[in-house]
Amino acid sequence: MEQVYPDAIDKLKFNEALKRMLDRFVGDVISNTQDRIRAARMRDLEDVRICPDRLVRLSPEVENERLAAKQFLYSNLYFSATLDPEKNDAERVITELFDFWMKKPDALPSSYREKAKQEPLPRIICDYIAGMTDNYIYEQYERY
């Protein structure tokens, strides 16, 4: 991206690289699946159902790229020691908010309180937290 967009800010370069990678993966899974369906001579849904092989998948070349990207993310993001303080802070905030809403479910938004009448409260709180952005969860933390 540096050569294509030398004057762009890093975030835009990152977004463009991510978009291109996702476009490549999606395009490949579609074309590779179409090729596999043709090669297996699928005629109808019943043929698909009885097919012993997995029809939907990436080509070997793009699967290797996906695995390399996954390894990169695990090494440089998910298990990065540099990010440990932020991850620990996020875990603490989530845990404390979860505990707070377990003790005070009336502090949840009304729509989630209604859902809690049908489903277990821990599940409802998890769903609520999972839908939050980073900024919003920290706002909620400061609020409560």
N, C-alpha and C. Protein backbone atom coordinates (compact mmCIF):
# COMPACT_ATOMS: atom_id res chain seq x y z
N MET A 1 0.81 -1.18 0.00
CA MET A 1 0.00 0.00 0.00
C MET A 1 0.86 1.26 0.00
N GLU A 2 2.07 1.13 0.54
CA GLU A 2 2.98 2.27 0.61
C GLU A 2 3.31 2.79 -0.78
N GLN A 3 3.50 1.86 -1.73
CA GLN A 3 3.85 2.28 -3.09
C GLN A 3 2.65 2.84 -3.83
N VAL A 4 1.46 2.29 -3.57
CA VAL A 4 0.25 2.74 -4.26
C VAL A 4 -0.24 4.07 -3.69
N TYR A 5 -0.19 4.20 -2.36
CA TYR A 5 -0.68 5.40 -1.67
C TYR A 5 0.40 5.97 -0.75
N PRO A 6 1.49 6.50 -1.29
CA PRO A 6 2.60 6.93 -0.43
C PRO A 6 2.26 8.07 0.53
N ASP A 7 1.29 8.91 0.19
CA ASP A 7 0.97 10.06 1.04
C ASP A 7 -0.23 9.83 1.96
N ALA A 8 -0.83 8.66 1.87
CA ALA A 8 -2.01 8.39 2.70
C ALA A 8 -1.60 8.11 4.14
N ILE A 9 -2.50 8.42 5.08
CA ILE A 9 -2.21 8.11 6.48
C ILE A 9 -2.27 6.60 6.69
N ASP A 10 -1.60 6.14 7.74
CA ASP A 10 -1.47 4.70 7.98
C ASP A 10 -2.82 3.99 8.09
N LYS A 11 -3.79 4.62 8.74
CA LYS A 11 -5.10 3.98 8.91
C LYS A 11 -5.76 3.71 7.55
N LEU A 12 -5.65 4.65 6.63
CA LEU A 12 -6.23 4.44 5.30
C LEU A 12 -5.50 3.34 4.55
N LYS A 13 -4.19 3.28 4.68
CA LYS A 13 -3.41 2.21 4.06
C LYS A 13 -3.82 0.85 4.63
N PHE A 14 -3.96 0.81 5.96
CA PHE A 14 -4.39 -0.42 6.61
C PHE A 14 -5.76 -0.86 6.11
N ASN A 15 -6.71 0.09 6.07
CA ASN A 15 -8.07 -0.24 5.63
C ASN A 15 -8.07 -0.73 4.18
N GLU A 16 -7.28 -0.11 3.34
CA GLU A 16 -7.22 -0.53 1.94
C GLU A 16 -6.61 -1.92 1.81
N ALA A 17 -5.56 -2.20 2.56
CA ALA A 17 -4.94 -3.53 2.53
C ALA A 17 -5.92 -4.59 3.03
N LEU A 18 -6.64 -4.28 4.10
CA LEU A 18 -7.63 -5.22 4.63
C LEU A 18 -8.74 -5.47 3.62
N LYS A 19 -9.22 -4.40 3.00
CA LYS A 19 -10.28 -4.54 1.99
C LYS A 19 -9.82 -5.43 0.83
N ARG A 20 -8.61 -5.21 0.38
CA ARG A 20 -8.09 -6.01 -0.73
C ARG A 20 -7.93 -7.48 -0.33
N MET A 21 -7.48 -7.71 0.89
CA MET A 21 -7.32 -9.09 1.35
C MET A 21 -8.69 -9.78 1.44
N LEU A 22 -9.67 -9.11 2.01
CA LEU A 22 -11.01 -9.69 2.13
C LEU A 22 -11.64 -9.90 0.75
N ASP A 23 -11.46 -8.95 -0.16
CA ASP A 23 -11.96 -9.11 -1.53
C ASP A 23 -11.34 -10.34 -2.18
N ARG A 24 -10.04 -10.52 -1.97
CA ARG A 24 -9.36 -11.69 -2.55
C ARG A 24 -9.92 -12.98 -1.97
N PHE A 25 -10.09 -13.03 -0.65
CA PHE A 25 -10.61 -14.25 -0.02
C PHE A 25 -12.03 -14.55 -0.50
N VAL A 26 -12.89 -13.54 -0.50
CA VAL A 26 -14.29 -13.76 -0.90
C VAL A 26 -14.36 -14.15 -2.37
N GLY A 27 -13.64 -13.44 -3.21
CA GLY A 27 -13.65 -13.76 -4.64
C GLY A 27 -13.15 -15.17 -4.89
N ASP A 28 -12.11 -15.55 -4.16
CA ASP A 28 -11.55 -16.89 -4.34
C ASP A 28 -12.50 -17.98 -3.87
N VAL A 29 -13.13 -17.78 -2.72
CA VAL A 29 -14.04 -18.83 -2.23
C VAL A 29 -15.21 -19.00 -3.20
N ILE A 30 -15.67 -17.92 -3.80
CA ILE A 30 -16.77 -18.02 -4.77
C ILE A 30 -16.31 -18.75 -6.02
N SER A 31 -15.21 -18.31 -6.62
CA SER A 31 -14.78 -18.94 -7.88
C SER A 31 -14.31 -20.37 -7.66
N ASN A 32 -13.61 -20.63 -6.56
CA ASN A 32 -13.16 -21.99 -6.28
C ASN A 32 -14.34 -22.92 -6.04
N THR A 33 -15.35 -22.44 -5.34
CA THR A 33 -16.54 -23.25 -5.09
C THR A 33 -17.27 -23.55 -6.40
N GLN A 34 -17.39 -22.54 -7.24
CA GLN A 34 -18.04 -22.76 -8.54
C GLN A 34 -17.28 -23.82 -9.34
N ASP A 35 -15.95 -23.74 -9.32
CA ASP A 35 -15.13 -24.73 -10.03
C ASP A 35 -15.35 -26.13 -9.46
N ARG A 36 -15.41 -26.23 -8.14
CA ARG A 36 -15.59 -27.54 -7.49
C ARG A 36 -16.98 -28.12 -7.80
N ILE A 37 -17.98 -27.27 -7.84
CA ILE A 37 -19.34 -27.73 -8.18
C ILE A 37 -19.37 -28.24 -9.61
N ARG A 38 -18.75 -27.50 -10.53
CA ARG A 38 -18.70 -27.95 -11.93
C ARG A 38 -17.93 -29.26 -12.05
N ALA A 39 -16.79 -29.34 -11.39
CA ALA A 39 -15.95 -30.54 -11.47
C ALA A 39 -16.67 -31.76 -10.90
N ALA A 40 -17.48 -31.56 -9.88
CA ALA A 40 -18.22 -32.67 -9.26
C ALA A 40 -19.52 -32.97 -10.01
N ARG A 41 -19.80 -32.19 -11.04
CA ARG A 41 -21.00 -32.37 -11.87
C ARG A 41 -22.30 -32.33 -11.05
N MET A 42 -22.37 -31.34 -10.18
CA MET A 42 -23.57 -31.16 -9.37
C MET A 42 -24.71 -30.66 -10.26
N ARG A 43 -25.86 -31.30 -10.13
CA ARG A 43 -27.02 -30.90 -10.94
C ARG A 43 -28.10 -30.23 -10.09
N ASP A 44 -28.20 -30.67 -8.84
CA ASP A 44 -29.26 -30.12 -8.00
C ASP A 44 -28.86 -30.20 -6.53
N LEU A 45 -29.76 -29.77 -5.68
CA LEU A 45 -29.49 -29.72 -4.25
C LEU A 45 -29.22 -31.10 -3.68
N GLU A 46 -29.88 -32.10 -4.18
CA GLU A 46 -29.67 -33.46 -3.69
C GLU A 46 -28.23 -33.91 -3.96
N ASP A 47 -27.69 -33.55 -5.12
CA ASP A 47 -26.29 -33.87 -5.41
C ASP A 47 -25.36 -33.22 -4.39
N VAL A 48 -25.68 -31.99 -4.03
CA VAL A 48 -24.86 -31.28 -3.04
C VAL A 48 -24.95 -31.98 -1.70
N ARG A 49 -26.15 -32.38 -1.32
CA ARG A 49 -26.34 -33.02 -0.01
C ARG A 49 -25.60 -34.35 0.11
N ILE A 50 -25.53 -35.10 -0.96
CA ILE A 50 -24.89 -36.42 -0.87
C ILE A 50 -23.41 -36.40 -1.23
N CYS A 51 -22.92 -35.24 -1.61
CA CYS A 51 -21.50 -35.12 -1.97
C CYS A 51 -20.63 -35.37 -0.73
N PRO A 52 -19.68 -36.29 -0.79
CA PRO A 52 -18.85 -36.59 0.37
C PRO A 52 -17.76 -35.55 0.64
N ASP A 53 -17.50 -34.71 -0.35
CA ASP A 53 -16.44 -33.71 -0.20
C ASP A 53 -17.01 -32.35 0.17
N ARG A 54 -16.20 -31.56 0.80
CA ARG A 54 -16.57 -30.19 1.12
C ARG A 54 -16.45 -29.36 -0.16
N LEU A 55 -17.52 -28.77 -0.58
CA LEU A 55 -17.52 -28.02 -1.83
C LEU A 55 -17.07 -26.57 -1.66
N VAL A 56 -17.43 -25.97 -0.56
CA VAL A 56 -17.12 -24.55 -0.34
C VAL A 56 -15.80 -24.44 0.41
N ARG A 57 -14.80 -23.91 -0.28
CA ARG A 57 -13.51 -23.67 0.35
C ARG A 57 -12.62 -22.83 -0.55
N LEU A 58 -11.59 -22.32 0.07
CA LEU A 58 -10.62 -21.52 -0.66
C LEU A 58 -9.74 -22.42 -1.52
N SER A 59 -9.16 -21.84 -2.55
CA SER A 59 -8.17 -22.57 -3.34
C SER A 59 -6.95 -22.81 -2.46
N PRO A 60 -6.12 -23.80 -2.78
CA PRO A 60 -4.94 -24.07 -1.94
C PRO A 60 -4.03 -22.84 -1.78
N GLU A 61 -3.83 -22.08 -2.84
CA GLU A 61 -2.97 -20.89 -2.78
C GLU A 61 -3.51 -19.86 -1.78
N VAL A 62 -4.80 -19.57 -1.87
CA VAL A 62 -5.39 -18.56 -1.00
C VAL A 62 -5.55 -19.11 0.42
N GLU A 63 -5.77 -20.40 0.56
CA GLU A 63 -5.81 -21.01 1.90
C GLU A 63 -4.48 -20.83 2.60
N ASN A 64 -3.37 -20.97 1.86
CA ASN A 64 -2.05 -20.74 2.44
C ASN A 64 -1.88 -19.28 2.86
N GLU A 65 -2.42 -18.35 2.08
CA GLU A 65 -2.38 -16.93 2.45
C GLU A 65 -3.21 -16.68 3.71
N ARG A 66 -4.37 -17.33 3.81
CA ARG A 66 -5.22 -17.18 4.99
C ARG A 66 -4.50 -17.69 6.23
N LEU A 67 -3.85 -18.84 6.11
CA LEU A 67 -3.11 -19.39 7.25
C LEU A 67 -1.95 -18.48 7.66
N ALA A 68 -1.28 -17.89 6.68
CA ALA A 68 -0.19 -16.96 6.99
C ALA A 68 -0.73 -15.72 7.71
N ALA A 69 -1.87 -15.20 7.26
CA ALA A 69 -2.49 -14.04 7.91
C ALA A 69 -2.91 -14.40 9.33
N LYS A 70 -3.46 -15.59 9.49
CA LYS A 70 -3.88 -16.04 10.83
C LYS A 70 -2.69 -16.14 11.76
N GLN A 71 -1.60 -16.72 11.28
CA GLN A 71 -0.39 -16.84 12.10
C GLN A 71 0.15 -15.46 12.47
N PHE A 72 0.13 -14.55 11.51
CA PHE A 72 0.58 -13.18 11.78
C PHE A 72 -0.26 -12.54 12.88
N LEU A 73 -1.58 -12.68 12.79
CA LEU A 73 -2.47 -12.08 13.79
C LEU A 73 -2.24 -12.69 15.17
N TYR A 74 -2.07 -14.01 15.23
CA TYR A 74 -1.82 -14.63 16.53
C TYR A 74 -0.50 -14.16 17.13
N SER A 75 0.52 -14.06 16.30
CA SER A 75 1.83 -13.66 16.81
C SER A 75 1.91 -12.18 17.16
N ASN A 76 1.28 -11.34 16.36
CA ASN A 76 1.46 -9.89 16.50
C ASN A 76 0.29 -9.15 17.14
N LEU A 77 -0.83 -9.83 17.32
CA LEU A 77 -1.97 -9.13 17.90
C LEU A 77 -2.56 -9.91 19.07
N TYR A 78 -3.10 -11.09 18.81
CA TYR A 78 -3.83 -11.81 19.84
C TYR A 78 -2.96 -12.15 21.05
N PHE A 79 -1.71 -12.54 20.82
CA PHE A 79 -0.82 -12.92 21.91
C PHE A 79 0.38 -11.99 22.02
N SER A 80 0.19 -10.75 21.64
CA SER A 80 1.25 -9.76 21.69
C SER A 80 1.46 -9.28 23.13
N ALA A 81 2.68 -9.39 23.61
CA ALA A 81 3.00 -8.94 24.97
C ALA A 81 2.81 -7.42 25.08
N THR A 82 3.02 -6.72 23.99
CA THR A 82 2.86 -5.26 24.00
C THR A 82 1.43 -4.87 24.34
N LEU A 83 0.47 -5.69 23.92
CA LEU A 83 -0.94 -5.37 24.15
C LEU A 83 -1.49 -5.92 25.46
N ASP A 84 -0.67 -6.67 26.21
CA ASP A 84 -1.15 -7.27 27.46
C ASP A 84 -1.78 -6.26 28.42
N PRO A 85 -1.17 -5.09 28.65
CA PRO A 85 -1.81 -4.15 29.58
C PRO A 85 -3.22 -3.74 29.12
N GLU A 86 -3.38 -3.49 27.83
CA GLU A 86 -4.70 -3.11 27.31
C GLU A 86 -5.70 -4.26 27.43
N LYS A 87 -5.23 -5.47 27.13
CA LYS A 87 -6.12 -6.63 27.24
C LYS A 87 -6.52 -6.88 28.69
N ASN A 88 -5.58 -6.71 29.60
CA ASN A 88 -5.89 -6.89 31.03
C ASN A 88 -6.89 -5.85 31.50
N ASP A 89 -6.72 -4.61 31.05
CA ASP A 89 -7.65 -3.54 31.41
C ASP A 89 -9.04 -3.84 30.86
N ALA A 90 -9.10 -4.27 29.60
CA ALA A 90 -10.39 -4.58 28.99
C ALA A 90 -11.07 -5.74 29.72
N GLU A 91 -10.31 -6.74 30.10
CA GLU A 91 -10.87 -7.88 30.84
C GLU A 91 -11.44 -7.44 32.18
N ARG A 92 -10.71 -6.55 32.86
CA ARG A 92 -11.17 -6.04 34.15
C ARG A 92 -12.47 -5.26 33.99
N VAL A 93 -12.53 -4.40 32.98
CA VAL A 93 -13.73 -3.59 32.75
C VAL A 93 -14.92 -4.48 32.43
N ILE A 94 -14.74 -5.44 31.56
CA ILE A 94 -15.83 -6.35 31.19
C ILE A 94 -16.30 -7.14 32.39
N THR A 95 -15.36 -7.67 33.17
CA THR A 95 -15.71 -8.46 34.35
C THR A 95 -16.49 -7.63 35.37
N GLU A 96 -16.01 -6.42 35.61
CA GLU A 96 -16.68 -5.57 36.60
C GLU A 96 -18.07 -5.16 36.13
N LEU A 97 -18.22 -4.84 34.84
CA LEU A 97 -19.55 -4.49 34.33
C LEU A 97 -20.49 -5.69 34.38
N PHE A 98 -19.98 -6.86 34.01
CA PHE A 98 -20.80 -8.07 34.07
C PHE A 98 -21.30 -8.30 35.50
N ASP A 99 -20.39 -8.23 36.45
CA ASP A 99 -20.76 -8.42 37.86
C ASP A 99 -21.77 -7.37 38.31
N PHE A 100 -21.56 -6.13 37.89
CA PHE A 100 -22.48 -5.05 38.25
C PHE A 100 -23.89 -5.35 37.75
N TRP A 101 -24.02 -5.72 36.46
CA TRP A 101 -25.36 -5.97 35.90
C TRP A 101 -25.98 -7.25 36.44
N MET A 102 -25.16 -8.21 36.87
CA MET A 102 -25.72 -9.39 37.52
C MET A 102 -26.36 -9.00 38.85
N LYS A 103 -25.73 -8.08 39.57
CA LYS A 103 -26.26 -7.64 40.86
C LYS A 103 -27.39 -6.62 40.70
N LYS A 104 -27.32 -5.83 39.61
CA LYS A 104 -28.31 -4.77 39.40
C LYS A 104 -28.84 -4.81 37.96
N PRO A 105 -29.63 -5.84 37.65
CA PRO A 105 -30.14 -5.96 36.28
C PRO A 105 -31.06 -4.80 35.87
N ASP A 106 -31.60 -4.08 36.85
CA ASP A 106 -32.45 -2.92 36.53
C ASP A 106 -31.65 -1.80 35.87
N ALA A 107 -30.33 -1.85 35.95
CA ALA A 107 -29.49 -0.84 35.31
C ALA A 107 -29.30 -1.13 33.81
N LEU A 108 -29.72 -2.31 33.37
CA LEU A 108 -29.65 -2.64 31.94
C LEU A 108 -30.70 -1.83 31.18
N PRO A 109 -30.49 -1.60 29.88
CA PRO A 109 -31.53 -0.96 29.08
C PRO A 109 -32.80 -1.78 29.10
N SER A 110 -33.94 -1.12 28.94
CA SER A 110 -35.23 -1.81 29.06
C SER A 110 -35.37 -2.99 28.10
N SER A 111 -34.85 -2.86 26.89
CA SER A 111 -34.98 -3.97 25.93
C SER A 111 -34.27 -5.23 26.44
N TYR A 112 -33.15 -5.05 27.12
CA TYR A 112 -32.41 -6.20 27.66
C TYR A 112 -33.09 -6.74 28.91
N ARG A 113 -33.70 -5.87 29.68
CA ARG A 113 -34.47 -6.35 30.84
C ARG A 113 -35.64 -7.21 30.37
N GLU A 114 -36.26 -6.82 29.26
CA GLU A 114 -37.37 -7.60 28.70
C GLU A 114 -36.87 -8.97 28.23
N LYS A 115 -35.75 -8.97 27.55
CA LYS A 115 -35.18 -10.24 27.07
C LYS A 115 -34.84 -11.16 28.24
N ALA A 116 -34.44 -10.56 29.35
CA ALA A 116 -34.04 -11.35 30.52
C ALA A 116 -35.23 -12.10 31.13
N LYS A 117 -36.45 -11.71 30.75
CA LYS A 117 -37.63 -12.46 31.22
C LYS A 117 -37.76 -13.78 30.48
N GLN A 118 -37.14 -13.87 29.31
CA GLN A 118 -37.25 -15.06 28.46
C GLN A 118 -35.98 -15.94 28.50
N GLU A 119 -34.84 -15.30 28.74
CA GLU A 119 -33.56 -16.01 28.68
C GLU A 119 -32.78 -15.74 29.97
N PRO A 120 -31.79 -16.59 30.26
CA PRO A 120 -30.98 -16.38 31.48
C PRO A 120 -30.26 -15.03 31.46
N LEU A 121 -30.23 -14.39 32.59
CA LEU A 121 -29.61 -13.07 32.72
C LEU A 121 -28.15 -13.06 32.26
N PRO A 122 -27.33 -14.06 32.64
CA PRO A 122 -25.93 -14.02 32.18
C PRO A 122 -25.81 -13.98 30.65
N ARG A 123 -26.68 -14.71 29.97
CA ARG A 123 -26.67 -14.70 28.51
C ARG A 123 -27.02 -13.33 27.97
N ILE A 124 -28.01 -12.69 28.56
CA ILE A 124 -28.45 -11.36 28.13
C ILE A 124 -27.33 -10.34 28.34
N ILE A 125 -26.67 -10.40 29.47
CA ILE A 125 -25.58 -9.47 29.76
C ILE A 125 -24.43 -9.69 28.77
N CYS A 126 -24.12 -10.94 28.50
CA CYS A 126 -23.06 -11.24 27.52
C CYS A 126 -23.41 -10.67 26.15
N ASP A 127 -24.65 -10.85 25.74
CA ASP A 127 -25.08 -10.30 24.45
C ASP A 127 -24.97 -8.79 24.44
N TYR A 128 -25.36 -8.15 25.52
CA TYR A 128 -25.29 -6.69 25.62
C TYR A 128 -23.83 -6.23 25.50
N ILE A 129 -22.95 -6.85 26.26
CA ILE A 129 -21.54 -6.47 26.24
C ILE A 129 -20.93 -6.74 24.86
N ALA A 130 -21.29 -7.86 24.26
CA ALA A 130 -20.71 -8.22 22.96
C ALA A 130 -21.05 -7.20 21.88
N GLY A 131 -22.17 -6.52 22.02
CA GLY A 131 -22.57 -5.54 21.02
C GLY A 131 -21.98 -4.16 21.23
N MET A 132 -21.19 -3.99 22.27
CA MET A 132 -20.65 -2.67 22.60
C MET A 132 -19.36 -2.37 21.84
N THR A 133 -19.18 -1.11 21.48
CA THR A 133 -17.90 -0.65 20.96
C THR A 133 -16.97 -0.41 22.15
N ASP A 134 -15.69 -0.25 21.87
CA ASP A 134 -14.73 0.03 22.94
C ASP A 134 -15.11 1.31 23.66
N ASN A 135 -15.40 2.35 22.91
CA ASN A 135 -15.75 3.63 23.54
C ASN A 135 -16.99 3.51 24.42
N TYR A 136 -18.00 2.81 23.92
CA TYR A 136 -19.25 2.70 24.67
C TYR A 136 -19.07 1.91 25.96
N ILE A 137 -18.29 0.84 25.91
CA ILE A 137 -18.12 0.04 27.14
C ILE A 137 -17.38 0.86 28.20
N TYR A 138 -16.42 1.68 27.77
CA TYR A 138 -15.73 2.52 28.75
C TYR A 138 -16.65 3.63 29.28
N GLU A 139 -17.55 4.13 28.44
CA GLU A 139 -18.56 5.09 28.92
C GLU A 139 -19.44 4.45 29.99
N GLN A 140 -19.87 3.22 29.72
CA GLN A 140 -20.71 2.51 30.69
C GLN A 140 -19.95 2.25 31.99
N TYR A 141 -18.68 1.92 31.85
CA TYR A 141 -17.85 1.66 33.03
C TYR A 141 -17.75 2.92 33.90
N GLU A 142 -17.51 4.05 33.24
CA GLU A 142 -17.43 5.32 33.99
C GLU A 142 -18.76 5.66 34.62
N ARG A 143 -19.83 5.36 33.94
CA ARG A 143 -21.17 5.67 34.43
C ARG A 143 -21.52 4.88 35.68
N TYR A 144 -21.16 3.60 35.70
CA TYR A 144 -21.54 2.74 36.82
C TYR A 144 -20.37 2.51 37.76
